[in-house]
Protein backbone atom coordinates (compact mmCIF):
# COMPACT_ATOMS: atom_id res chain seq x y z
CA UNK A 1 -95.52 13.36 -2.66
CA UNK A 2 -92.87 12.21 -4.72
CA UNK A 3 -93.68 9.88 -8.03
CA UNK A 4 -91.82 9.62 -11.57
CA UNK A 5 -88.38 8.44 -11.15
CA UNK A 6 -85.50 8.83 -13.24
CA UNK A 7 -81.95 7.21 -12.17
CA UNK A 8 -78.65 7.73 -14.05
CA UNK A 9 -75.08 7.99 -13.47
CA UNK A 10 -72.34 10.37 -12.85
CA UNK A 11 -69.06 10.16 -11.76
CA UNK A 12 -70.14 6.28 -10.03
CA UNK A 13 -72.87 7.98 -7.75
CA UNK A 14 -76.53 7.48 -8.52
CA UNK A 15 -78.63 10.55 -8.90
CA UNK A 16 -82.53 10.18 -9.11
CA UNK A 17 -84.58 13.21 -10.87
CA UNK A 18 -88.00 13.01 -9.09
CA UNK A 19 -91.17 14.80 -10.38
CA UNK A 20 -92.30 16.86 -6.98
CA UNK A 21 -96.81 17.17 -6.85
CA UNK A 22 -98.66 19.03 -4.16
CA UNK A 23 -102.21 18.88 -3.99
CA UNK A 24 -101.50 22.26 -1.59
CA UNK A 25 -100.56 23.79 -4.48
CA UNK A 26 -101.96 25.07 -8.30
CA UNK A 27 -101.95 22.36 -11.05
CA UNK A 28 -99.04 22.31 -13.68
CA UNK A 29 -100.07 23.15 -17.05
CA UNK A 30 -98.45 21.59 -20.39
CA UNK A 31 -95.09 19.59 -19.79
CA UNK A 32 -93.93 20.51 -17.23
CA UNK A 33 -93.81 19.37 -13.11
CA UNK A 34 -94.78 21.77 -10.24
CA UNK A 35 -91.44 20.80 -9.22
CA UNK A 36 -87.88 18.27 -9.90
CA UNK A 37 -85.98 17.43 -6.93
CA UNK A 38 -82.19 15.86 -7.36
CA UNK A 39 -81.22 13.54 -5.31
CA UNK A 40 -77.59 13.43 -4.95
CA UNK A 41 -75.42 10.96 -3.79
CA UNK A 42 -75.31 11.50 0.09
CA UNK A 43 -79.12 11.58 0.11
CA UNK A 44 -79.20 15.66 0.26
CA UNK A 45 -80.79 16.86 -2.83
CA UNK A 46 -82.14 19.50 -5.15
CA UNK A 47 -85.46 21.16 -5.89
CA UNK A 48 -86.57 22.70 -8.80
CA UNK A 49 -89.54 24.56 -8.87
CA UNK A 50 -91.77 25.20 -11.78
CA UNK A 51 -93.28 29.19 -11.56
CA UNK A 52 -95.80 29.30 -9.52
CA UNK A 53 -99.06 31.81 -10.38
CA UNK A 54 -101.45 33.34 -7.35
CA UNK A 55 -104.33 30.21 -8.18
CA UNK A 56 -106.10 28.58 -5.72
CA UNK A 57 -105.47 24.98 -5.70
CA UNK A 58 -109.07 24.21 -4.39
CA UNK A 59 -111.33 27.02 -6.51
CA UNK A 60 -109.38 27.87 -9.82
CA UNK A 61 -109.38 31.17 -8.57
CA UNK A 62 -106.87 34.02 -8.48
CA UNK A 63 -107.57 36.96 -5.89
CA UNK A 64 -107.10 40.80 -6.72
CA UNK A 65 -104.24 42.66 -5.98
CA UNK A 66 -100.84 42.00 -6.34
CA UNK A 67 -100.23 41.99 -2.31
CA UNK A 68 -102.61 39.14 -2.64
CA UNK A 69 -100.93 37.58 -4.76
CA UNK A 70 -98.18 37.55 -3.96
CA UNK A 71 -99.19 35.56 -0.48
CA UNK A 72 -101.47 33.17 -2.65
CA UNK A 73 -98.11 32.32 -5.24
CA UNK A 74 -95.61 32.27 -1.92
CA UNK A 75 -98.18 29.57 -0.35
CA UNK A 76 -98.42 27.85 -3.72
CA UNK A 77 -94.44 27.92 -3.34
CA UNK A 78 -94.27 26.44 0.44
CA UNK A 79 -96.72 23.84 -1.02
CA UNK A 80 -94.36 22.61 -3.22
CA UNK A 81 -91.68 22.69 -0.48
CA UNK A 82 -92.94 20.54 1.62
CA UNK A 83 -94.06 18.06 -0.78
CA UNK A 84 -90.62 18.19 -1.65
CA UNK A 85 -89.50 17.58 2.26
CA UNK A 86 -88.35 20.93 2.65
CA UNK A 87 -89.29 24.63 3.13
CA UNK A 88 -88.18 28.42 2.98
CA UNK A 89 -85.34 27.98 5.25
CA UNK A 90 -83.61 26.23 2.57
CA UNK A 91 -83.77 28.07 -0.16
CA UNK A 92 -81.77 29.32 -2.50
CA UNK A 93 -82.69 31.50 -4.81
CA UNK A 94 -86.20 32.75 -5.99
CA UNK A 95 -87.30 34.48 -9.73
CA UNK A 96 -90.23 36.31 -9.87
CA UNK A 97 -92.15 37.63 -13.15
CA UNK A 98 -94.02 40.80 -12.88
CA UNK A 99 -96.39 42.53 -15.19
CA UNK A 100 -95.43 45.67 -14.21
CA UNK A 101 -92.27 46.93 -12.38
CA UNK A 102 -95.13 49.53 -10.88
CA UNK A 103 -95.81 46.27 -8.52
CA UNK A 104 -92.38 45.91 -6.21
CA UNK A 105 -93.13 48.26 -3.47
CA UNK A 106 -96.09 45.80 -2.45
CA UNK A 107 -94.62 42.94 -3.79
CA UNK A 108 -91.38 43.58 -1.82
CA UNK A 109 -94.12 44.12 1.30
CA UNK A 110 -95.61 41.22 1.59
CA UNK A 111 -92.78 38.82 0.55
CA UNK A 112 -90.03 40.11 3.59
CA UNK A 113 -93.30 39.51 5.81
CA UNK A 114 -94.00 36.22 4.61
CA UNK A 115 -89.90 35.49 4.38
CA UNK A 116 -89.18 36.98 7.76
CA UNK A 117 -90.69 34.45 9.07
CA UNK A 118 -87.95 31.64 7.83
CA UNK A 119 -85.10 33.08 10.07
CA UNK A 120 -83.34 31.01 12.17
CA UNK A 121 -82.87 31.37 16.34
CA UNK A 122 -84.39 35.32 15.88
CA UNK A 123 -80.89 35.93 13.85
CA UNK A 124 -81.26 38.82 10.47
CA UNK A 125 -83.10 36.57 8.16
CA UNK A 126 -80.54 35.64 5.16
CA UNK A 127 -82.99 35.98 2.30
CA UNK A 128 -82.45 34.27 -0.37
CA UNK A 129 -80.51 35.19 -4.10
CA UNK A 130 -83.50 36.65 -5.77
CA UNK A 131 -83.99 38.17 -9.47
CA UNK A 132 -86.90 39.95 -10.41
CA UNK A 133 -87.67 39.90 -14.50
CA UNK A 134 -90.89 42.04 -16.20
CA UNK A 135 -92.73 39.58 -17.56
CA UNK A 136 -96.14 38.47 -18.51
CA UNK A 137 -97.59 35.25 -16.03
CA UNK A 138 -98.88 32.53 -18.08
CA UNK A 139 -102.12 33.61 -17.07
CA UNK A 140 -103.74 37.25 -17.91
CA UNK A 141 -105.33 37.60 -14.74
CA UNK A 142 -101.88 36.67 -12.77
CA UNK A 143 -99.96 39.78 -11.79
CA UNK A 144 -96.73 37.65 -11.14
CA UNK A 145 -94.99 34.40 -11.60
CA UNK A 146 -92.57 32.55 -8.29
CA UNK A 147 -90.19 30.44 -8.87
CA UNK A 148 -86.83 29.11 -6.78
CA UNK A 149 -84.89 26.22 -6.11
CA UNK A 150 -84.11 24.84 -2.68
CA UNK A 151 -82.09 22.69 -1.05
CA UNK A 152 -83.62 19.24 0.86
CA UNK A 153 -81.64 17.43 3.75
């Protein structure tokens, strides 16, 4: 569901900035949106997804272990993508914050498997550009946080 709209002008083209919210992902905390959608003049746009923690939206629980947390965080990203009218096949960039770089191998296993399902016609998957940073997520129980940028047709 798209809510909250701000319109502004750039070189004669009307652009709209909209807040994106999905009940299927954990709510954003503080002064933040789950995502912001920038609608371009040609009715296409970009969606900027805030860092998604591995919090289950219904229970508020964080699963144990990096594999389960990676899957939950990716499911939260996927829910926000759907709410913005797009999906993982249109993700251009992902930033991953990991509590420890020793978690990379297990993270990578789940990440590759999850995103491989978004290939086109059995061709080799063009994974999004990715930055991985060692950093503590905003919740002490979480081992990672994932943010993304995607385009919307």
